[in-house]
Amino acid sequence: RSSKDINLRNTDNAEERYEEVVKLVNFGKNCLNYFTESEYIEDTISLEGDDWNFSAHHRAEPIAAEEDFRKTVVDYLSFKAAQAIRKNDKMGKQQALAWQSLREISGEAGAD
């Protein structure tokens, strides 16, 4: 059984972050410490109820930075290369086993 001491740990300043959320609700963005201004939005909820989500207030830039694009391409190509190497390695082992079997068969045939 797990105890609360194991399950509830103050990792990454969790207690302080929760306290900051309370302060932000009560006192506003002057209490920003762990969170950034891009993560905090002060607004009024509309009567239509269509602005409850963070995405209704924050528009992310859909264009990736060139460095992000390069990293994604490098990661993908590394993955594909590793797959090809593993496949070739597996095929190489299978070919070696086939040659070994042929040698054994031919050695047995030569002994007759």
C-alpha atoms as a PDB file:
ATOM      1  CA  ARG A   1       0.000   0.000   0.000  1.00  0.00           C
ATOM      2  CA  SER A   2       1.110   3.511  -0.736  1.00  0.00           C
ATOM      3  CA  SER A   3       0.990   6.122   1.932  1.00  0.00           C
ATOM      4  CA  LYS A   4       0.272   9.805   1.501  1.00  0.00           C
ATOM      5  CA  ASP A   5       3.966  10.491   2.123  1.00  0.00           C
ATOM      6  CA  ILE A   6       4.838   8.614  -1.059  1.00  0.00           C
ATOM      7  CA  ASN A   7       1.909   9.738  -3.218  1.00  0.00           C
ATOM      8  CA  LEU A   8       1.867  13.401  -2.230  1.00  0.00           C
ATOM      9  CA  ARG A   9       5.229  14.970  -2.825  1.00  0.00           C
ATOM     10  CA  ASN A  10       5.991  18.622  -3.288  1.00  0.00           C
ATOM     11  CA  THR A  11       7.693  18.163  -6.651  1.00  0.00           C
ATOM     12  CA  ASP A  12       8.455  21.172  -8.821  1.00  0.00           C
ATOM     13  CA  ASN A  13       7.231  23.521  -6.057  1.00  0.00           C
ATOM     14  CA  ALA A  14       3.658  22.178  -6.226  1.00  0.00           C
ATOM     15  CA  GLU A  15       2.552  23.697  -2.913  1.00  0.00           C
ATOM     16  CA  GLU A  16       3.909  27.100  -3.863  1.00  0.00           C
ATOM     17  CA  ARG A  17       2.260  26.913  -7.297  1.00  0.00           C
ATOM     18  CA  TYR A  18      -1.137  26.132  -5.750  1.00  0.00           C
ATOM     19  CA  GLU A  19      -0.659  29.022  -3.343  1.00  0.00           C
ATOM     20  CA  GLU A  20       0.188  31.262  -6.297  1.00  0.00           C
ATOM     21  CA  VAL A  21      -3.070  30.267  -8.022  1.00  0.00           C
ATOM     22  CA  VAL A  22      -4.991  31.320  -4.903  1.00  0.00           C
ATOM     23  CA  LYS A  23      -3.147  34.637  -4.833  1.00  0.00           C
ATOM     24  CA  LEU A  24      -3.727  35.208  -8.552  1.00  0.00           C
ATOM     25  CA  VAL A  25      -7.473  34.673  -8.128  1.00  0.00           C
ATOM     26  CA  ASN A  26      -7.608  37.010  -5.141  1.00  0.00           C
ATOM     27  CA  PHE A  27      -5.071  39.684  -6.051  1.00  0.00           C
ATOM     28  CA  GLY A  28      -4.340  39.485  -9.791  1.00  0.00           C
ATOM     29  CA  LYS A  29      -1.237  39.328 -11.929  1.00  0.00           C
ATOM     30  CA  ASN A  30       0.949  41.263  -9.482  1.00  0.00           C
ATOM     31  CA  CYS A  31       1.389  37.914  -7.699  1.00  0.00           C
ATOM     32  CA  LEU A  32       2.964  36.129 -10.693  1.00  0.00           C
ATOM     33  CA  ASN A  33       5.998  34.179  -9.596  1.00  0.00           C
ATOM     34  CA  TYR A  34       6.059  30.624 -11.005  1.00  0.00           C
ATOM     35  CA  PHE A  35       3.626  31.238 -13.845  1.00  0.00           C
ATOM     36  CA  THR A  36       4.346  33.632 -16.716  1.00  0.00           C
ATOM     37  CA  GLU A  37       2.215  36.358 -18.258  1.00  0.00           C
ATOM     38  CA  SER A  38       1.651  34.139 -21.295  1.00  0.00           C
ATOM     39  CA  GLU A  39       0.111  31.496 -18.988  1.00  0.00           C
ATOM     40  CA  TYR A  40      -2.058  33.939 -17.038  1.00  0.00           C
ATOM     41  CA  ILE A  41      -5.082  35.759 -18.415  1.00  0.00           C
ATOM     42  CA  GLU A  42      -7.276  38.145 -16.504  1.00  0.00           C
ATOM     43  CA  ASP A  43     -10.699  38.448 -18.108  1.00  0.00           C
ATOM     44  CA  THR A  44     -14.420  38.448 -17.449  1.00  0.00           C
ATOM     45  CA  ILE A  45     -16.599  35.460 -18.306  1.00  0.00           C
ATOM     46  CA  SER A  46     -19.229  36.327 -20.899  1.00  0.00           C
ATOM     47  CA  LEU A  47     -22.912  35.494 -20.505  1.00  0.00           C
ATOM     48  CA  GLU A  48     -22.698  33.314 -23.617  1.00  0.00           C
ATOM     49  CA  GLY A  49     -20.368  30.955 -21.770  1.00  0.00           C
ATOM     50  CA  ASP A  50     -18.083  30.461 -24.777  1.00  0.00           C
ATOM     51  CA  ASP A  51     -14.890  31.713 -23.181  1.00  0.00           C
ATOM     52  CA  TRP A  52     -14.219  29.273 -20.375  1.00  0.00           C
ATOM     53  CA  ASN A  53     -11.197  27.623 -21.968  1.00  0.00           C
ATOM     54  CA  PHE A  54      -7.704  29.050 -22.110  1.00  0.00           C
ATOM     55  CA  SER A  55      -7.746  28.632 -25.902  1.00  0.00           C
ATOM     56  CA  ALA A  56     -10.584  31.177 -26.147  1.00  0.00           C
ATOM     57  CA  HIS A  57      -8.205  33.817 -24.778  1.00  0.00           C
ATOM     58  CA  HIS A  58      -4.799  32.737 -26.029  1.00  0.00           C
ATOM     59  CA  ARG A  59      -3.992  32.203 -29.678  1.00  0.00           C
ATOM     60  CA  ALA A  60      -0.877  30.127 -30.227  1.00  0.00           C
ATOM     61  CA  GLU A  61       1.269  30.866 -33.250  1.00  0.00           C
ATOM     62  CA  PRO A  62       0.600  27.988 -35.691  1.00  0.00           C
ATOM     63  CA  ILE A  63       3.883  28.481 -37.564  1.00  0.00           C
ATOM     64  CA  ALA A  64       6.702  26.464 -36.067  1.00  0.00           C
ATOM     65  CA  ALA A  65      10.090  28.028 -35.604  1.00  0.00           C
ATOM     66  CA  GLU A  66      12.717  26.792 -38.050  1.00  0.00           C
ATOM     67  CA  GLU A  67      14.721  25.191 -35.223  1.00  0.00           C
ATOM     68  CA  ASP A  68      11.633  23.237 -34.080  1.00  0.00           C
ATOM     69  CA  PHE A  69      11.082  22.065 -37.648  1.00  0.00           C
ATOM     70  CA  ARG A  70      14.700  20.967 -38.005  1.00  0.00           C
ATOM     71  CA  LYS A  71      14.563  19.056 -34.707  1.00  0.00           C
ATOM     72  CA  THR A  72      11.381  17.279 -35.788  1.00  0.00           C
ATOM     73  CA  VAL A  73      12.929  16.272 -39.115  1.00  0.00           C
ATOM     74  CA  VAL A  74      16.134  15.075 -37.404  1.00  0.00           C
ATOM     75  CA  ASP A  75      14.124  13.050 -34.864  1.00  0.00           C
ATOM     76  CA  TYR A  76      12.044  11.460 -37.624  1.00  0.00           C
ATOM     77  CA  LEU A  77      15.050  10.605 -39.795  1.00  0.00           C
ATOM     78  CA  SER A  78      16.895   9.175 -36.783  1.00  0.00           C
ATOM     79  CA  PHE A  79      13.879   6.994 -36.021  1.00  0.00           C
ATOM     80  CA  LYS A  80      13.648   5.763 -39.631  1.00  0.00           C
ATOM     81  CA  ALA A  81      17.410   5.073 -39.774  1.00  0.00           C
ATOM     82  CA  ALA A  82      17.260   3.093 -36.520  1.00  0.00           C
ATOM     83  CA  GLN A  83      14.353   1.061 -37.930  1.00  0.00           C
ATOM     84  CA  ALA A  84      16.303   0.312 -41.124  1.00  0.00           C
ATOM     85  CA  ILE A  85      19.402  -0.705 -39.157  1.00  0.00           C
ATOM     86  CA  ARG A  86      17.375  -3.028 -36.933  1.00  0.00           C
ATOM     87  CA  LYS A  87      15.665  -4.530 -39.970  1.00  0.00           C
ATOM     88  CA  ASN A  88      19.007  -5.036 -41.760  1.00  0.00           C
ATOM     89  CA  ASP A  89      20.546  -6.481 -38.617  1.00  0.00           C
ATOM     90  CA  LYS A  90      17.671  -8.940 -38.289  1.00  0.00           C
ATOM     91  CA  MET A  91      17.947  -9.849 -41.993  1.00  0.00           C
ATOM     92  CA  GLY A  92      21.713 -10.246 -41.592  1.00  0.00           C
ATOM     93  CA  LYS A  93      21.226 -12.678 -38.705  1.00  0.00           C
ATOM     94  CA  GLN A  94      18.676 -14.637 -40.724  1.00  0.00           C
ATOM     95  CA  GLN A  95      21.075 -14.817 -43.698  1.00  0.00           C
ATOM     96  CA  ALA A  96      23.901 -15.983 -41.429  1.00  0.00           C
ATOM     97  CA  LEU A  97      21.675 -18.728 -40.033  1.00  0.00           C
ATOM     98  CA  ALA A  98      20.674 -19.741 -43.571  1.00  0.00           C
ATOM     99  CA  TRP A  99      24.337 -19.928 -44.674  1.00  0.00           C
ATOM    100  CA  GLN A 100      25.209 -21.927 -41.573  1.00  0.00           C
ATOM    101  CA  SER A 101      22.388 -24.368 -42.337  1.00  0.00           C
ATOM    102  CA  LEU A 102      23.574 -24.686 -45.937  1.00  0.00           C
ATOM    103  CA  ARG A 103      27.138 -25.368 -44.785  1.00  0.00           C
ATOM    104  CA  GLU A 104      25.907 -28.008 -42.382  1.00  0.00           C
ATOM    105  CA  ILE A 105      23.785 -29.625 -45.101  1.00  0.00           C
ATOM    106  CA  SER A 106      26.629 -29.509 -47.632  1.00  0.00           C
ATOM    107  CA  GLY A 107      29.079 -30.857 -45.047  1.00  0.00           C
ATOM    108  CA  GLU A 108      26.738 -33.715 -44.346  1.00  0.00           C
ATOM    109  CA  ALA A 109      26.287 -34.307 -48.088  1.00  0.00           C
ATOM    110  CA  GLY A 110      30.077 -34.272 -48.626  1.00  0.00           C
ATOM    111  CA  ALA A 111      30.599 -36.883 -45.891  1.00  0.00           C
ATOM    112  CA  ASP A 112      28.340 -39.413 -47.659  1.00  0.00           C
END
